[in-house]
Amino acid sequence: MIVHVFKRCLLAKKLDEVYVATDSNEIKEVVEK
């Protein structure tokens, strides 16, 4: 679910940057790809 929301945020034209705060290494690795 987090990856889905992150990818949708990347499609937003009005956002310059997207941040994801997590304590999970698995989520961190996926988001950094």
PDB file of N, CA and C in Angstrom:
ATOM      1  N   MET A   1       0.823  -1.191   0.000  1.00  0.00           N
ATOM      2  CA  MET A   1       0.000   0.000   0.000  1.00  0.00           C
ATOM      3  C   MET A   1       0.871   1.260   0.000  1.00  0.00           C
ATOM      4  N   ILE A   2       1.942   1.261   0.770  1.00  0.00           N
ATOM      5  CA  ILE A   2       2.825   2.424   0.811  1.00  0.00           C
ATOM      6  C   ILE A   2       3.465   2.658  -0.549  1.00  0.00           C
ATOM      7  N   VAL A   3       3.886   1.597  -1.195  1.00  0.00           N
ATOM      8  CA  VAL A   3       4.508   1.728  -2.515  1.00  0.00           C
ATOM      9  C   VAL A   3       3.498   2.277  -3.515  1.00  0.00           C
ATOM     10  N   HIS A   4       2.273   1.831  -3.448  1.00  0.00           N
ATOM     11  CA  HIS A   4       1.226   2.330  -4.347  1.00  0.00           C
ATOM     12  C   HIS A   4       1.046   3.839  -4.166  1.00  0.00           C
ATOM     13  N   VAL A   5       0.917   4.285  -2.931  1.00  0.00           N
ATOM     14  CA  VAL A   5       0.734   5.715  -2.647  1.00  0.00           C
ATOM     15  C   VAL A   5       1.971   6.499  -3.082  1.00  0.00           C
ATOM     16  N   PHE A   6       3.149   5.970  -2.819  1.00  0.00           N
ATOM     17  CA  PHE A   6       4.390   6.631  -3.218  1.00  0.00           C
ATOM     18  C   PHE A   6       4.438   6.822  -4.730  1.00  0.00           C
ATOM     19  N   LYS A   7       4.124   5.790  -5.478  1.00  0.00           N
ATOM     20  CA  LYS A   7       4.147   5.888  -6.943  1.00  0.00           C
ATOM     21  C   LYS A   7       3.126   6.890  -7.452  1.00  0.00           C
ATOM     22  N   ARG A   8       1.958   6.936  -6.833  1.00  0.00           N
ATOM     23  CA  ARG A   8       0.932   7.909  -7.232  1.00  0.00           C
ATOM     24  C   ARG A   8       1.399   9.333  -6.931  1.00  0.00           C
ATOM     25  N   CYS A   9       2.089   9.511  -5.826  1.00  0.00           N
ATOM     26  CA  CYS A   9       2.623  10.837  -5.483  1.00  0.00           C
ATOM     27  C   CYS A   9       3.649  11.298  -6.512  1.00  0.00           C
ATOM     28  N   LEU A  10       4.449  10.376  -7.000  1.00  0.00           N
ATOM     29  CA  LEU A  10       5.451  10.725  -8.005  1.00  0.00           C
ATOM     30  C   LEU A  10       4.808  11.226  -9.292  1.00  0.00           C
ATOM     31  N   LEU A  11       3.581  10.827  -9.553  1.00  0.00           N
ATOM     32  CA  LEU A  11       2.868  11.269 -10.751  1.00  0.00           C
ATOM     33  C   LEU A  11       2.260  12.663 -10.598  1.00  0.00           C
ATOM     34  N   ALA A  12       2.175  13.157  -9.380  1.00  0.00           N
ATOM     35  CA  ALA A  12       1.572  14.470  -9.137  1.00  0.00           C
ATOM     36  C   ALA A  12       2.464  15.562  -9.723  1.00  0.00           C
ATOM     37  N   LYS A  13       1.879  16.427 -10.510  1.00  0.00           N
ATOM     38  CA  LYS A  13       2.657  17.465 -11.189  1.00  0.00           C
ATOM     39  C   LYS A  13       2.984  18.646 -10.282  1.00  0.00           C
ATOM     40  N   LYS A  14       2.255  18.823  -9.205  1.00  0.00           N
ATOM     41  CA  LYS A  14       2.474  19.977  -8.332  1.00  0.00           C
ATOM     42  C   LYS A  14       3.478  19.698  -7.216  1.00  0.00           C
ATOM     43  N   LEU A  15       3.949  18.478  -7.104  1.00  0.00           N
ATOM     44  CA  LEU A  15       4.911  18.137  -6.056  1.00  0.00           C
ATOM     45  C   LEU A  15       6.329  18.171  -6.617  1.00  0.00           C
ATOM     46  N   ASP A  16       7.224  18.817  -5.891  1.00  0.00           N
ATOM     47  CA  ASP A  16       8.633  18.834  -6.292  1.00  0.00           C
ATOM     48  C   ASP A  16       9.393  17.654  -5.707  1.00  0.00           C
ATOM     49  N   GLU A  17       9.010  17.252  -4.487  1.00  0.00           N
ATOM     50  CA  GLU A  17       9.678  16.152  -3.803  1.00  0.00           C
ATOM     51  C   GLU A  17       8.649  15.313  -3.055  1.00  0.00           C
ATOM     52  N   VAL A  18       8.989  14.043  -2.879  1.00  0.00           N
ATOM     53  CA  VAL A  18       8.131  13.127  -2.117  1.00  0.00           C
ATOM     54  C   VAL A  18       9.002  12.472  -1.052  1.00  0.00           C
ATOM     55  N   TYR A  19       8.530  12.495   0.182  1.00  0.00           N
ATOM     56  CA  TYR A  19       9.260  11.892   1.301  1.00  0.00           C
ATOM     57  C   TYR A  19       8.476  10.710   1.850  1.00  0.00           C
ATOM     58  N   VAL A  20       9.195   9.665   2.246  1.00  0.00           N
ATOM     59  CA  VAL A  20       8.585   8.512   2.902  1.00  0.00           C
ATOM     60  C   VAL A  20       9.336   8.293   4.211  1.00  0.00           C
ATOM     61  N   ALA A  21       8.615   8.346   5.311  1.00  0.00           N
ATOM     62  CA  ALA A  21       9.211   8.100   6.626  1.00  0.00           C
ATOM     63  C   ALA A  21       8.831   6.689   7.068  1.00  0.00           C
ATOM     64  N   THR A  22       9.834   5.880   7.394  1.00  0.00           N
ATOM     65  CA  THR A  22       9.578   4.497   7.789  1.00  0.00           C
ATOM     66  C   THR A  22      10.711   3.987   8.671  1.00  0.00           C
ATOM     67  N   ASP A  23      10.401   2.990   9.460  1.00  0.00           N
ATOM     68  CA  ASP A  23      11.450   2.315  10.223  1.00  0.00           C
ATOM     69  C   ASP A  23      11.720   0.929   9.640  1.00  0.00           C
ATOM     70  N   SER A  24      11.109   0.648   8.494  1.00  0.00           N
ATOM     71  CA  SER A  24      11.243  -0.652   7.843  1.00  0.00           C
ATOM     72  C   SER A  24      12.320  -0.589   6.758  1.00  0.00           C
ATOM     73  N   ASN A  25      13.322  -1.438   6.863  1.00  0.00           N
ATOM     74  CA  ASN A  25      14.357  -1.507   5.829  1.00  0.00           C
ATOM     75  C   ASN A  25      13.791  -1.988   4.504  1.00  0.00           C
ATOM     76  N   GLU A  26      12.807  -2.868   4.555  1.00  0.00           N
ATOM     77  CA  GLU A  26      12.196  -3.384   3.328  1.00  0.00           C
ATOM     78  C   GLU A  26      11.524  -2.253   2.543  1.00  0.00           C
ATOM     79  N   ILE A  27      10.756  -1.435   3.225  1.00  0.00           N
ATOM     80  CA  ILE A  27      10.088  -0.313   2.560  1.00  0.00           C
ATOM     81  C   ILE A  27      11.130   0.683   2.054  1.00  0.00           C
ATOM     82  N   LYS A  28      12.137   0.950   2.853  1.00  0.00           N
ATOM     83  CA  LYS A  28      13.202   1.878   2.460  1.00  0.00           C
ATOM     84  C   LYS A  28      13.871   1.423   1.169  1.00  0.00           C
ATOM     85  N   GLU A  29      14.198   0.149   1.069  1.00  0.00           N
ATOM     86  CA  GLU A  29      14.861  -0.384  -0.122  1.00  0.00           C
ATOM     87  C   GLU A  29      13.971  -0.264  -1.356  1.00  0.00           C
ATOM     88  N   VAL A  30      12.688  -0.534  -1.205  1.00  0.00           N
ATOM     89  CA  VAL A  30      11.766  -0.457  -2.343  1.00  0.00           C
ATOM     90  C   VAL A  30      11.620   0.983  -2.815  1.00  0.00           C
ATOM     91  N   VAL A  31      11.483   1.904  -1.887  1.00  0.00           N
ATOM     92  CA  VAL A  31      11.285   3.312  -2.236  1.00  0.00           C
ATOM     93  C   VAL A  31      12.533   3.904  -2.888  1.00  0.00           C
ATOM     94  N   GLU A  32      13.705   3.451  -2.493  1.00  0.00           N
ATOM     95  CA  GLU A  32      14.947   3.993  -3.041  1.00  0.00           C
ATOM     96  C   GLU A  32      15.251   3.490  -4.452  1.00  0.00           C
ATOM     97  N   LYS A  33      14.565   2.477  -4.915  1.00  0.00           N
ATOM     98  CA  LYS A  33      14.825   1.922  -6.256  1.00  0.00           C
ATOM     99  C   LYS A  33      14.430   2.885  -7.346  1.00  0.00           C
TER     100      LYS A  33
END
